[in-house]
């Protein structure tokens, strides 16, 4: 009888944790999108390339959201990303 009662509680607990993670994700996404607008304005004024504010926005999301939600992201093909940034720096 105890097993039957614990299953609904597990479902409620996992659902509320999932809803909390979703709320944190969406909230952080909103904050980072606003930061992206600020980054684009500031970096455009000082003459930086547009890839720089895309990079800053993605890094902001990475450092703000992922530790709170508990997700680990690993980039595949990092050498291609590094090549793009090397070309952007050269001009």
C-alpha atoms as a PDB file:
ATOM      1  CA  UNK A   1       0.000   0.000   0.000  1.00  0.00           C
ATOM      2  CA  UNK A   2       2.857   2.404   0.729  1.00  0.00           C
ATOM      3  CA  UNK A   3       4.287   1.895  -2.788  1.00  0.00           C
ATOM      4  CA  UNK A   4       0.988   2.876  -4.378  1.00  0.00           C
ATOM      5  CA  UNK A   5       0.897   6.112  -2.401  1.00  0.00           C
ATOM      6  CA  UNK A   6       4.490   7.094  -3.105  1.00  0.00           C
ATOM      7  CA  UNK A   7       4.155   6.949  -6.907  1.00  0.00           C
ATOM      8  CA  UNK A   8       1.729   9.887  -7.185  1.00  0.00           C
ATOM      9  CA  UNK A   9       3.959  11.887  -4.837  1.00  0.00           C
ATOM     10  CA  UNK A  10       6.969  11.113  -7.026  1.00  0.00           C
ATOM     11  CA  UNK A  11       5.017  12.317 -10.045  1.00  0.00           C
ATOM     12  CA  UNK A  12       4.018  15.550  -8.321  1.00  0.00           C
ATOM     13  CA  UNK A  13       7.579  16.161  -7.138  1.00  0.00           C
ATOM     14  CA  UNK A  14       9.142  15.484 -10.551  1.00  0.00           C
ATOM     15  CA  UNK A  15       6.499  17.616 -12.277  1.00  0.00           C
ATOM     16  CA  UNK A  16       7.058  20.560  -9.956  1.00  0.00           C
ATOM     17  CA  UNK A  17      10.836  20.303 -10.404  1.00  0.00           C
ATOM     18  CA  UNK A  18      10.359  20.188 -14.176  1.00  0.00           C
ATOM     19  CA  UNK A  19       8.082  23.232 -14.012  1.00  0.00           C
ATOM     20  CA  UNK A  20      10.646  25.052 -11.881  1.00  0.00           C
ATOM     21  CA  UNK A  21      13.417  24.233 -14.366  1.00  0.00           C
ATOM     22  CA  UNK A  22      11.219  25.399 -17.229  1.00  0.00           C
ATOM     23  CA  UNK A  23      10.479  28.641 -15.403  1.00  0.00           C
ATOM     24  CA  UNK A  24      14.177  29.233 -14.712  1.00  0.00           C
ATOM     25  CA  UNK A  25      14.996  28.434 -18.342  1.00  0.00           C
ATOM     26  CA  UNK A  26      12.391  30.806 -19.782  1.00  0.00           C
ATOM     27  CA  UNK A  27      13.233  33.547 -17.288  1.00  0.00           C
ATOM     28  CA  UNK A  28      16.938  33.314 -18.003  1.00  0.00           C
ATOM     29  CA  UNK A  29      16.221  33.267 -21.729  1.00  0.00           C
ATOM     30  CA  UNK A  30      14.262  36.507 -21.367  1.00  0.00           C
ATOM     31  CA  UNK A  31      17.045  38.137 -19.345  1.00  0.00           C
ATOM     32  CA  UNK A  32      19.691  37.044 -21.840  1.00  0.00           C
ATOM     33  CA  UNK A  33      17.675  38.276 -24.799  1.00  0.00           C
ATOM     34  CA  UNK A  34      17.512  41.708 -23.165  1.00  0.00           C
ATOM     35  CA  UNK A  35      21.249  41.501 -22.524  1.00  0.00           C
ATOM     36  CA  UNK A  36      21.710  40.649 -26.195  1.00  0.00           C
ATOM     37  CA  UNK A  37      19.993  43.882 -27.185  1.00  0.00           C
ATOM     38  CA  UNK A  38      22.235  45.843 -24.828  1.00  0.00           C
ATOM     39  CA  UNK A  39      25.325  44.031 -26.114  1.00  0.00           C
ATOM     40  CA  UNK A  40      24.387  44.726 -29.726  1.00  0.00           C
ATOM     41  CA  UNK A  41      23.880  48.436 -29.132  1.00  0.00           C
ATOM     42  CA  UNK A  42      27.075  48.884 -27.127  1.00  0.00           C
ATOM     43  CA  UNK A  43      29.246  46.780 -29.421  1.00  0.00           C
ATOM     44  CA  UNK A  44      27.826  48.448 -32.537  1.00  0.00           C
ATOM     45  CA  UNK A  45      28.718  51.834 -31.105  1.00  0.00           C
ATOM     46  CA  UNK A  46      32.326  50.784 -30.593  1.00  0.00           C
ATOM     47  CA  UNK A  47      32.524  49.076 -34.000  1.00  0.00           C
ATOM     48  CA  UNK A  48      32.695  45.402 -33.054  1.00  0.00           C
ATOM     49  CA  UNK A  49      31.662  42.520 -35.307  1.00  0.00           C
ATOM     50  CA  UNK A  50      28.163  41.070 -34.849  1.00  0.00           C
ATOM     51  CA  UNK A  51      29.541  37.638 -33.932  1.00  0.00           C
ATOM     52  CA  UNK A  52      30.888  39.174 -30.755  1.00  0.00           C
ATOM     53  CA  UNK A  53      27.494  40.033 -29.307  1.00  0.00           C
ATOM     54  CA  UNK A  54      26.036  36.697 -30.376  1.00  0.00           C
ATOM     55  CA  UNK A  55      28.920  35.063 -28.540  1.00  0.00           C
ATOM     56  CA  UNK A  56      28.403  37.249 -25.467  1.00  0.00           C
ATOM     57  CA  UNK A  57      24.679  36.519 -25.384  1.00  0.00           C
ATOM     58  CA  UNK A  58      25.279  32.770 -25.634  1.00  0.00           C
ATOM     59  CA  UNK A  59      27.963  32.897 -22.927  1.00  0.00           C
ATOM     60  CA  UNK A  60      25.638  34.882 -20.668  1.00  0.00           C
ATOM     61  CA  UNK A  61      22.943  32.263 -21.084  1.00  0.00           C
ATOM     62  CA  UNK A  62      25.457  29.495 -20.487  1.00  0.00           C
ATOM     63  CA  UNK A  63      26.782  30.975 -17.260  1.00  0.00           C
ATOM     64  CA  UNK A  64      23.403  32.107 -15.907  1.00  0.00           C
ATOM     65  CA  UNK A  65      21.022  29.294 -16.796  1.00  0.00           C
ATOM     66  CA  UNK A  66      22.881  26.046 -17.085  1.00  0.00           C
ATOM     67  CA  UNK A  67      24.119  25.816 -13.482  1.00  0.00           C
ATOM     68  CA  UNK A  68      20.625  26.641 -12.202  1.00  0.00           C
ATOM     69  CA  UNK A  69      18.918  24.050 -14.384  1.00  0.00           C
ATOM     70  CA  UNK A  70      21.679  21.447 -14.104  1.00  0.00           C
ATOM     71  CA  UNK A  71      22.461  20.954 -17.783  1.00  0.00           C
ATOM     72  CA  UNK A  72      25.921  20.329 -19.198  1.00  0.00           C
ATOM     73  CA  UNK A  73      26.603  21.255 -22.819  1.00  0.00           C
ATOM     74  CA  UNK A  74      29.525  19.978 -24.835  1.00  0.00           C
ATOM     75  CA  UNK A  75      30.285  21.557 -28.201  1.00  0.00           C
ATOM     76  CA  UNK A  76      31.067  19.202 -31.052  1.00  0.00           C
ATOM     77  CA  UNK A  77      33.164  20.581 -33.883  1.00  0.00           C
ATOM     78  CA  UNK A  78      34.699  23.332 -31.799  1.00  0.00           C
ATOM     79  CA  UNK A  79      37.503  23.737 -34.339  1.00  0.00           C
ATOM     80  CA  UNK A  80      34.980  25.088 -36.861  1.00  0.00           C
ATOM     81  CA  UNK A  81      33.756  27.681 -34.376  1.00  0.00           C
ATOM     82  CA  UNK A  82      37.345  28.687 -33.621  1.00  0.00           C
ATOM     83  CA  UNK A  83      38.030  29.069 -37.362  1.00  0.00           C
ATOM     84  CA  UNK A  84      35.085  31.459 -37.730  1.00  0.00           C
ATOM     85  CA  UNK A  85      36.320  33.601 -34.872  1.00  0.00           C
ATOM     86  CA  UNK A  86      39.863  33.579 -36.254  1.00  0.00           C
ATOM     87  CA  UNK A  87      38.535  34.809 -39.637  1.00  0.00           C
ATOM     88  CA  UNK A  88      36.465  37.484 -37.906  1.00  0.00           C
ATOM     89  CA  UNK A  89      39.475  38.763 -35.994  1.00  0.00           C
ATOM     90  CA  UNK A  90      41.568  38.975 -39.165  1.00  0.00           C
ATOM     91  CA  UNK A  91      38.991  41.152 -40.748  1.00  0.00           C
END
